[in-house]
Protein backbone atom coordinates (compact mmCIF):
# COMPACT_ATOMS: atom_id res chain seq x y z
CA MET A 1 140.43 55.13 187.41
CA ASN A 2 142.16 51.80 188.11
CA ASN A 3 140.00 50.08 185.45
CA SER A 4 140.96 52.76 182.95
CA VAL A 5 144.67 52.28 183.64
CA ARG A 6 144.33 48.50 183.39
CA ASN A 7 142.42 48.76 180.11
CA THR A 8 145.03 51.10 178.69
CA ALA A 9 147.86 48.82 179.80
CA ARG A 10 146.07 45.81 178.30
CA LEU A 11 145.62 47.61 174.95
CA ILE A 12 149.25 48.74 174.92
CA GLY A 13 150.39 45.18 175.70
CA ALA A 14 148.19 43.74 172.94
CA GLY A 15 149.53 46.31 170.48
CA LEU A 16 153.14 45.54 171.36
CA ARG A 17 152.55 41.78 171.02
CA ALA A 18 150.91 42.32 167.61
CA LEU A 19 153.81 44.55 166.57
CA LEU A 20 156.31 41.89 167.64
CA VAL A 21 154.48 39.06 165.85
CA LEU A 22 153.99 41.06 162.63
CA THR A 23 157.62 42.22 162.71
CA VAL A 24 158.83 38.62 162.94
CA ILE A 25 156.45 37.42 160.19
CA CYS A 26 156.65 40.34 157.76
CA GLY A 27 160.11 41.63 158.56
CA VAL A 28 162.03 38.37 159.04
CA LEU A 29 160.25 35.17 157.98
CA TYR A 30 158.61 36.47 154.78
CA PRO A 31 161.76 38.17 153.40
CA LEU A 32 163.82 35.07 154.23
CA ALA A 33 161.29 32.82 152.49
CA VAL A 34 161.11 35.01 149.36
CA THR A 35 164.89 35.37 149.23
CA GLY A 36 165.39 31.64 149.69
CA ILE A 37 162.93 30.75 146.93
CA ALA A 38 164.46 33.33 144.58
CA GLN A 39 168.00 32.10 145.23
CA ALA A 40 166.99 28.45 144.83
CA LEU A 41 164.80 28.74 141.72
CA PHE A 42 165.87 31.98 140.01
CA ASN A 43 169.45 32.44 141.17
CA GLY A 44 170.68 34.32 138.11
CA LYS A 45 167.78 36.76 137.95
CA ALA A 46 167.76 37.29 141.72
CA ASN A 47 171.40 38.37 141.58
CA GLY A 48 170.98 40.89 138.76
CA SER A 49 171.23 38.67 135.65
CA GLU A 50 175.01 38.91 135.76
CA ILE A 51 177.14 37.94 132.78
CA LYS A 52 180.58 36.47 133.40
CA ASP A 53 183.50 36.00 131.05
CA LYS A 54 185.36 32.71 130.73
CA SER A 55 187.57 33.63 133.71
CA GLY A 56 184.48 33.95 135.91
CA GLN A 57 184.69 37.73 136.24
CA VAL A 58 181.39 39.62 136.18
CA VAL A 59 181.34 41.94 133.15
CA GLY A 60 177.84 43.37 133.54
CA SER A 61 174.13 42.59 133.51
CA SER A 62 172.21 41.19 130.57
CA LEU A 63 169.45 43.70 131.38
CA ILE A 64 171.45 46.92 131.03
CA GLY A 65 173.14 48.17 127.87
CA GLN A 66 176.79 49.20 127.84
CA THR A 67 178.87 51.32 125.52
CA TYR A 68 182.17 50.19 124.04
CA ASN A 69 184.23 53.32 123.56
CA LEU A 70 187.89 54.20 123.33
CA PRO A 71 189.34 56.15 126.29
CA LYS A 72 189.01 59.90 125.92
CA GLN A 73 192.18 61.82 125.15
CA ASN A 74 191.13 64.36 127.77
CA PRO A 75 189.00 62.60 130.43
CA ASP A 76 188.29 65.91 132.19
CA ASP A 77 186.66 67.47 129.12
CA PRO A 78 182.88 66.82 129.26
CA GLU A 79 182.47 68.21 125.75
CA GLU A 80 184.79 65.68 124.14
CA ALA A 81 182.77 63.06 122.31
CA ALA A 82 183.71 59.47 123.05
CA LYS A 83 184.69 57.47 119.98
CA PRO A 84 183.47 53.88 119.60
CA ASP A 85 185.98 51.07 119.90
CA LEU A 86 185.43 49.44 116.51
CA LYS A 87 186.69 46.00 117.53
CA TRP A 88 183.45 45.48 119.49
CA PHE A 89 179.84 45.21 118.41
CA GLN A 90 178.20 48.53 119.17
CA PRO A 91 174.86 48.91 120.99
CA ARG A 92 171.98 51.24 120.27
CA PRO A 93 172.52 54.96 120.86
CA SER A 94 171.96 55.86 124.51
CA ASN A 95 170.31 59.25 124.05
CA GLY A 96 167.92 59.72 126.95
CA LEU A 97 167.61 61.35 130.34
CA GLY A 98 170.40 62.59 132.55
CA SER A 99 174.10 61.87 132.74
CA ASN A 100 175.98 59.28 134.74
CA SER A 101 179.12 59.91 136.76
CA VAL A 102 179.04 56.52 138.47
CA ASN A 103 178.76 53.82 135.79
CA GLN A 104 181.06 55.01 133.01
CA GLN A 105 180.04 52.04 130.87
CA TYR A 106 176.75 53.75 130.08
CA SER A 107 175.82 57.40 129.73
CA LEU A 108 172.47 57.32 131.51
CA VAL A 109 171.49 57.34 135.13
CA LEU A 110 167.74 57.60 134.53
CA SER A 111 165.59 55.38 132.35
CA GLY A 112 163.50 57.24 129.80
CA ALA A 113 163.20 58.45 126.22
CA THR A 114 164.07 61.88 124.85
CA ASN A 115 160.34 62.56 124.18
CA LYS A 116 161.30 64.52 121.06
CA ALA A 117 158.87 64.50 118.14
CA ALA A 118 159.88 62.80 114.91
CA ASP A 119 160.29 66.18 113.19
CA ASN A 120 162.29 67.76 116.02
CA PRO A 121 165.40 69.31 114.39
CA ASP A 122 167.70 68.09 117.18
CA LEU A 123 166.42 64.52 116.86
CA VAL A 124 166.63 64.62 113.07
CA LYS A 125 170.25 65.75 113.29
CA LEU A 126 171.07 63.05 115.85
CA VAL A 127 169.63 60.38 113.57
CA GLU A 128 171.37 61.74 110.45
CA ASP A 129 174.73 61.99 112.25
CA ALA A 130 174.32 58.51 113.73
CA LYS A 131 173.47 57.07 110.31
CA ALA A 132 176.52 58.67 108.70
CA ALA A 133 178.71 57.32 111.51
CA VAL A 134 177.31 53.79 111.16
CA ILE A 135 177.98 53.82 107.41
CA ALA A 136 181.52 55.18 107.85
CA ASP A 137 182.45 52.87 110.73
CA ASN A 138 181.16 49.67 109.13
CA THR A 139 182.30 50.15 105.54
CA THR A 140 185.45 48.11 104.96
CA ALA A 141 187.62 47.30 101.98
CA SER A 142 185.45 44.25 101.22
CA TYR A 143 182.06 45.44 102.44
CA THR A 144 180.10 48.59 101.65
CA VAL A 145 177.22 49.77 103.84
CA LYS A 146 174.45 51.54 101.95
CA PRO A 147 172.08 54.03 103.63
CA GLU A 148 169.15 51.67 103.13
CA ASP A 149 171.07 48.92 104.94
CA VAL A 150 171.08 50.84 108.25
CA PRO A 151 168.27 49.57 110.55
CA ALA A 152 166.31 51.90 112.81
CA ASP A 153 167.82 50.59 116.04
CA ALA A 154 171.30 51.58 114.83
CA VAL A 155 170.40 55.27 114.90
CA THR A 156 167.71 55.60 117.59
CA SER A 157 167.66 54.95 121.32
CA SER A 158 165.03 52.73 122.91
CA GLY A 159 162.10 53.95 124.97
CA SER A 160 163.99 53.15 128.17
CA GLY A 161 167.34 54.32 126.86
CA LEU A 162 168.88 51.25 128.50
CA ASP A 163 168.15 48.56 125.88
CA PRO A 164 170.86 45.87 126.03
CA ASN A 165 169.76 44.32 122.72
CA ILE A 166 170.12 45.11 119.03
CA SER A 167 168.40 43.60 116.02
CA PRO A 168 170.03 40.73 114.11
CA ALA A 169 170.15 43.12 111.13
CA TYR A 170 172.28 45.64 113.03
CA ALA A 171 174.52 42.88 114.40
CA GLY A 172 174.93 41.47 110.89
CA LEU A 173 175.83 44.90 109.53
CA GLN A 174 178.76 45.05 111.98
CA VAL A 175 180.15 41.59 111.23
CA HIS A 176 182.69 42.54 108.56
CA ARG A 177 184.11 45.42 110.59
CA VAL A 178 184.39 43.33 113.77
CA ALA A 179 186.02 40.46 111.87
CA GLU A 180 188.57 42.79 110.30
CA GLN A 181 189.37 44.58 113.57
CA ASN A 182 189.93 41.30 115.43
CA GLY A 183 191.71 39.37 112.68
CA LEU A 184 188.90 36.80 112.45
CA ASP A 185 187.14 35.20 109.51
CA VAL A 186 183.81 36.76 108.59
CA GLU A 187 182.19 33.33 108.72
CA GLN A 188 183.36 32.84 112.31
CA VAL A 189 181.79 36.11 113.41
CA GLU A 190 178.59 35.42 111.48
CA LYS A 191 178.20 32.10 113.31
CA LEU A 192 178.83 33.92 116.59
CA VAL A 193 175.98 36.33 115.85
CA GLU A 194 173.75 33.46 114.82
CA ARG A 195 174.39 31.62 118.09
CA SER A 196 173.77 34.80 120.08
CA THR A 197 170.43 35.58 118.41
CA GLU A 198 167.38 35.04 120.61
CA ASN A 199 164.05 34.35 118.93
CA ARG A 200 160.68 35.85 119.87
CA THR A 201 159.56 34.99 123.40
CA LEU A 202 157.18 32.00 123.24
CA GLY A 203 157.43 32.25 119.48
CA PHE A 204 155.28 35.35 119.06
CA MET A 205 156.17 38.04 121.63
CA GLY A 206 158.66 40.77 120.73
CA GLU A 207 161.25 40.59 117.97
CA PRO A 208 164.41 38.52 117.41
CA ARG A 209 167.28 40.18 119.28
CA VAL A 210 170.97 39.98 120.08
CA ASN A 211 172.27 40.88 123.54
CA VAL A 212 175.34 43.03 122.86
CA LEU A 213 177.14 42.26 126.13
CA GLU A 214 176.70 38.51 125.70
CA LEU A 215 177.82 38.77 122.07
CA ASN A 216 180.93 40.80 122.93
CA THR A 217 181.78 38.44 125.80
CA ALA A 218 181.63 35.51 123.35
CA LEU A 219 183.65 37.55 120.81
CA LYS A 220 186.39 38.18 123.39
CA ALA A 221 186.59 34.45 124.16
CA LEU A 222 186.78 33.66 120.44
CA ALA A 223 189.47 36.26 119.78
CA GLN A 224 191.58 34.93 122.66
CA SER A 225 191.23 31.26 121.71
């Protein structure tokens, strides 16, 4: 009986010591090491890939798309459609899963596509309405947008629904409207888009892209200069 109690006590003691050692290693030392390495070598990514304006204020993350809309006339009306603020470059449509009552800069709370087939009547109408809006919004006195000029990413959401990027073609289509709305020369805005265009990763992965938040942050700095 005494041997049994001693053996049990010894096993319990060994288990507690192992628990203590593993807690210190896995729960304290390892997280501190990983956090330290991340902060030292990948500070921006470790902190959410934040984008700051020229005043140093965080305006968002380069990984998450934002909308640029005018304030609603009736904020309490969920049926009222938000109208885009035409002085900014507009992102891809954010049709996807769920609604968001926390981050009002974007309409999604869940990442995901609509999963609607290409011939789904609702999707077809969304695309047709979006295309008509893009043509109407971006046609100015000196620049006419034709239906064939509208790229696919201007009228469709991404697979995640959270894409922060648009194609250079869609950014270029918006140049004249943005220049007119902000009282800037078209050439100035074209150069801004050119500087904000990222090429394919490693030269062959993905497509050329323009981060809308970074572009609009640079546009704000240009307009205020």
